[in-house]
Amino acid sequence: MPIPWEALIPFGLLTTMFGAAGTLLNISKRAQNQGKPIRYHIDAWDEMMMERDQRLTGHFRGQKTDPTPPEGFETNSVWYTERAQ
């Protein structure tokens, strides 16, 4: 039974396109996360720490080793107020 060599060209193109799309998506996600891998299974504690890191550094993946907070960190609290009616 002969092998249909003509079918290998579209197969190669599809494989290349899926590989390129996956690679570009991975590069895009890592660029948005400052070169760090994507976070999975984020719970409430991780979300709270990410909001704190965003208030400290300006980016939700950024972290600081300097223990002193920036100016205005005390006043930009995460606590949300509810409206009394």
N, C-alpha and C. Protein backbone atom coordinates (compact mmCIF):
# COMPACT_ATOMS: atom_id res chain seq x y z
N MET A 1 0.85 -1.17 0.00
CA MET A 1 0.00 0.00 0.00
C MET A 1 0.90 1.24 0.00
N PRO A 2 0.73 2.11 -0.97
CA PRO A 2 1.61 3.28 -1.06
C PRO A 2 1.30 4.32 0.01
N ILE A 3 2.31 5.06 0.40
CA ILE A 3 2.18 6.13 1.41
C ILE A 3 1.83 7.43 0.68
N PRO A 4 0.80 8.12 1.10
CA PRO A 4 0.43 9.39 0.44
C PRO A 4 1.34 10.53 0.91
N TRP A 5 2.43 10.72 0.20
CA TRP A 5 3.40 11.74 0.59
C TRP A 5 2.83 13.15 0.54
N GLU A 6 1.79 13.36 -0.26
CA GLU A 6 1.19 14.69 -0.37
C GLU A 6 0.54 15.12 0.94
N ALA A 7 0.14 14.16 1.77
CA ALA A 7 -0.52 14.48 3.03
C ALA A 7 0.48 14.95 4.09
N LEU A 8 1.76 14.70 3.89
CA LEU A 8 2.76 15.11 4.88
C LEU A 8 2.99 16.62 4.89
N ILE A 9 2.77 17.28 3.76
CA ILE A 9 2.97 18.74 3.71
C ILE A 9 1.94 19.46 4.59
N PRO A 10 0.63 19.20 4.47
CA PRO A 10 -0.32 19.86 5.37
C PRO A 10 -0.12 19.45 6.83
N PHE A 11 0.25 18.19 7.05
CA PHE A 11 0.51 17.74 8.42
C PHE A 11 1.68 18.51 9.02
N GLY A 12 2.72 18.71 8.26
CA GLY A 12 3.87 19.49 8.73
C GLY A 12 3.51 20.95 8.99
N LEU A 13 2.69 21.51 8.10
CA LEU A 13 2.27 22.90 8.30
C LEU A 13 1.42 23.05 9.56
N LEU A 14 0.48 22.15 9.76
CA LEU A 14 -0.37 22.22 10.96
C LEU A 14 0.45 22.04 12.23
N THR A 15 1.37 21.09 12.22
CA THR A 15 2.22 20.87 13.39
C THR A 15 3.06 22.10 13.69
N THR A 16 3.62 22.71 12.66
CA THR A 16 4.42 23.92 12.84
C THR A 16 3.58 25.08 13.37
N MET A 17 2.38 25.26 12.84
CA MET A 17 1.54 26.37 13.28
C MET A 17 1.09 26.18 14.73
N PHE A 18 0.71 24.96 15.12
CA PHE A 18 0.34 24.73 16.51
C PHE A 18 1.53 24.94 17.43
N GLY A 19 2.69 24.49 17.02
CA GLY A 19 3.90 24.70 17.82
C GLY A 19 4.25 26.17 17.97
N ALA A 20 4.15 26.92 16.87
CA ALA A 20 4.45 28.35 16.91
C ALA A 20 3.45 29.09 17.78
N ALA A 21 2.16 28.75 17.66
CA ALA A 21 1.14 29.42 18.47
C ALA A 21 1.35 29.15 19.96
N GLY A 22 1.66 27.92 20.32
CA GLY A 22 1.90 27.59 21.72
C GLY A 22 3.14 28.29 22.27
N THR A 23 4.18 28.34 21.47
CA THR A 23 5.41 29.02 21.90
C THR A 23 5.18 30.51 22.09
N LEU A 24 4.48 31.14 21.14
CA LEU A 24 4.21 32.57 21.26
C LEU A 24 3.30 32.88 22.44
N LEU A 25 2.33 32.01 22.72
CA LEU A 25 1.47 32.21 23.88
C LEU A 25 2.28 32.11 25.17
N ASN A 26 3.17 31.14 25.25
CA ASN A 26 4.02 30.98 26.43
C ASN A 26 4.93 32.19 26.62
N ILE A 27 5.52 32.68 25.55
CA ILE A 27 6.39 33.86 25.63
C ILE A 27 5.58 35.08 26.07
N SER A 28 4.37 35.23 25.54
CA SER A 28 3.52 36.36 25.91
C SER A 28 3.15 36.31 27.39
N LYS A 29 2.75 35.14 27.88
CA LYS A 29 2.38 35.01 29.29
C LYS A 29 3.57 35.28 30.20
N ARG A 30 4.74 34.77 29.84
CA ARG A 30 5.93 35.02 30.66
C ARG A 30 6.34 36.49 30.64
N ALA A 31 6.16 37.16 29.50
CA ALA A 31 6.49 38.58 29.42
C ALA A 31 5.57 39.40 30.32
N GLN A 32 4.30 39.00 30.43
CA GLN A 32 3.36 39.70 31.29
C GLN A 32 3.63 39.43 32.76
N ASN A 33 4.31 38.32 33.09
CA ASN A 33 4.60 37.95 34.47
C ASN A 33 6.05 38.22 34.84
N GLN A 34 6.70 39.14 34.16
CA GLN A 34 8.09 39.53 34.42
C GLN A 34 9.03 38.34 34.31
N GLY A 35 8.81 37.46 33.35
CA GLY A 35 9.69 36.33 33.11
C GLY A 35 9.47 35.14 34.03
N LYS A 36 8.49 35.22 34.90
CA LYS A 36 8.21 34.13 35.83
C LYS A 36 7.14 33.22 35.23
N PRO A 37 7.11 31.95 35.64
CA PRO A 37 6.08 31.06 35.09
C PRO A 37 4.67 31.46 35.54
N ILE A 38 3.69 30.94 34.83
CA ILE A 38 2.29 31.27 35.10
C ILE A 38 1.86 30.64 36.42
N ARG A 39 1.05 31.35 37.19
CA ARG A 39 0.54 30.82 38.45
C ARG A 39 -0.75 30.05 38.21
N TYR A 40 -0.84 28.89 38.86
CA TYR A 40 -2.05 28.07 38.79
C TYR A 40 -2.59 27.87 40.19
N HIS A 41 -3.86 27.54 40.31
CA HIS A 41 -4.52 27.23 41.58
C HIS A 41 -4.32 28.36 42.59
N ILE A 42 -4.70 29.57 42.23
CA ILE A 42 -4.55 30.73 43.11
C ILE A 42 -5.73 30.75 44.07
N ASP A 43 -5.45 30.75 45.36
CA ASP A 43 -6.51 30.81 46.36
C ASP A 43 -6.62 32.24 46.90
N ALA A 44 -7.45 32.42 47.91
CA ALA A 44 -7.71 33.77 48.45
C ALA A 44 -6.44 34.38 49.04
N TRP A 45 -5.62 33.56 49.69
CA TRP A 45 -4.38 34.08 50.29
C TRP A 45 -3.43 34.57 49.20
N ASP A 46 -3.29 33.82 48.12
CA ASP A 46 -2.42 34.25 47.03
C ASP A 46 -2.94 35.53 46.39
N GLU A 47 -4.25 35.66 46.22
CA GLU A 47 -4.81 36.89 45.66
C GLU A 47 -4.54 38.08 46.56
N MET A 48 -4.66 37.87 47.87
CA MET A 48 -4.40 38.95 48.82
C MET A 48 -2.92 39.37 48.77
N MET A 49 -2.03 38.40 48.67
CA MET A 49 -0.60 38.72 48.60
C MET A 49 -0.25 39.38 47.27
N MET A 50 -0.93 38.99 46.20
CA MET A 50 -0.69 39.63 44.91
C MET A 50 -1.16 41.08 44.91
N GLU A 51 -2.29 41.36 45.57
CA GLU A 51 -2.75 42.75 45.69
C GLU A 51 -1.77 43.57 46.53
N ARG A 52 -1.25 42.96 47.60
CA ARG A 52 -0.26 43.66 48.43
C ARG A 52 1.00 43.94 47.64
N ASP A 53 1.47 42.96 46.87
CA ASP A 53 2.66 43.17 46.05
C ASP A 53 2.43 44.24 45.00
N GLN A 54 1.22 44.30 44.46
CA GLN A 54 0.93 45.34 43.47
C GLN A 54 0.96 46.72 44.12
N ARG A 55 0.46 46.81 45.34
CA ARG A 55 0.51 48.11 46.03
C ARG A 55 1.94 48.48 46.41
N LEU A 56 2.77 47.49 46.70
CA LEU A 56 4.16 47.78 47.07
C LEU A 56 5.04 48.11 45.87
N THR A 57 4.90 47.35 44.80
CA THR A 57 5.84 47.47 43.69
C THR A 57 5.23 48.05 42.42
N GLY A 58 3.90 48.01 42.28
CA GLY A 58 3.27 48.48 41.06
C GLY A 58 2.97 47.37 40.08
N HIS A 59 3.39 46.15 40.37
CA HIS A 59 3.10 45.00 39.51
C HIS A 59 2.72 43.83 40.40
N PHE A 60 1.71 43.05 39.98
CA PHE A 60 1.20 41.99 40.86
C PHE A 60 2.17 40.82 41.02
N ARG A 61 3.21 40.73 40.18
CA ARG A 61 4.20 39.68 40.35
C ARG A 61 5.49 40.20 40.96
N GLY A 62 5.59 41.49 41.19
CA GLY A 62 6.81 42.06 41.73
C GLY A 62 6.92 41.87 43.23
N GLN A 63 8.14 41.69 43.71
CA GLN A 63 8.39 41.58 45.14
C GLN A 63 9.59 42.42 45.48
N LYS A 64 9.64 42.90 46.73
CA LYS A 64 10.73 43.75 47.18
C LYS A 64 11.47 43.11 48.33
N THR A 65 12.75 43.38 48.42
CA THR A 65 13.53 42.95 49.58
C THR A 65 13.68 44.09 50.58
N ASP A 66 13.39 45.30 50.15
CA ASP A 66 13.47 46.46 51.03
C ASP A 66 12.26 46.47 51.96
N PRO A 67 12.48 46.49 53.28
CA PRO A 67 11.33 46.40 54.20
C PRO A 67 10.52 47.69 54.33
N THR A 68 11.03 48.80 53.83
CA THR A 68 10.29 50.06 53.98
C THR A 68 9.28 50.20 52.84
N PRO A 69 8.02 50.49 53.16
CA PRO A 69 7.01 50.64 52.10
C PRO A 69 7.15 51.99 51.41
N PRO A 70 6.64 52.12 50.19
CA PRO A 70 6.70 53.40 49.50
C PRO A 70 5.73 54.41 50.13
N GLU A 71 5.87 55.66 49.72
CA GLU A 71 4.99 56.71 50.22
C GLU A 71 3.55 56.42 49.84
N GLY A 72 2.64 56.60 50.76
CA GLY A 72 1.23 56.40 50.50
C GLY A 72 0.76 54.97 50.64
N PHE A 73 1.63 54.06 51.06
CA PHE A 73 1.22 52.67 51.20
C PHE A 73 0.21 52.51 52.34
N GLU A 74 0.31 53.35 53.35
CA GLU A 74 -0.60 53.24 54.49
C GLU A 74 -2.02 53.66 54.12
N THR A 75 -2.13 54.57 53.16
CA THR A 75 -3.46 55.11 52.84
C THR A 75 -4.15 54.38 51.69
N ASN A 76 -3.43 53.59 50.89
CA ASN A 76 -4.09 52.88 49.79
C ASN A 76 -4.42 51.46 50.24
N SER A 77 -5.29 51.38 51.20
CA SER A 77 -5.64 50.11 51.82
C SER A 77 -6.48 49.24 50.89
N VAL A 78 -6.45 47.95 51.17
CA VAL A 78 -7.23 47.00 50.39
C VAL A 78 -8.64 46.88 50.94
N TRP A 79 -8.84 47.30 52.15
CA TRP A 79 -10.16 47.14 52.77
C TRP A 79 -11.19 47.94 52.00
N TYR A 80 -12.23 47.25 51.58
CA TYR A 80 -13.29 47.90 50.83
C TYR A 80 -14.42 48.28 51.80
N THR A 81 -14.94 49.45 51.63
CA THR A 81 -16.03 49.89 52.50
C THR A 81 -17.35 49.59 51.84
N GLU A 82 -18.32 49.30 52.67
CA GLU A 82 -19.64 49.06 52.10
C GLU A 82 -20.51 50.29 52.35
N ARG A 83 -21.44 50.47 51.47
CA ARG A 83 -22.28 51.64 51.53
C ARG A 83 -23.47 51.39 52.46
N ALA A 84 -23.63 52.23 53.47
CA ALA A 84 -24.76 52.13 54.37
C ALA A 84 -25.93 52.92 53.80
N GLN A 85 -27.08 52.29 53.71
CA GLN A 85 -28.23 52.99 53.13
C GLN A 85 -29.32 53.17 54.15
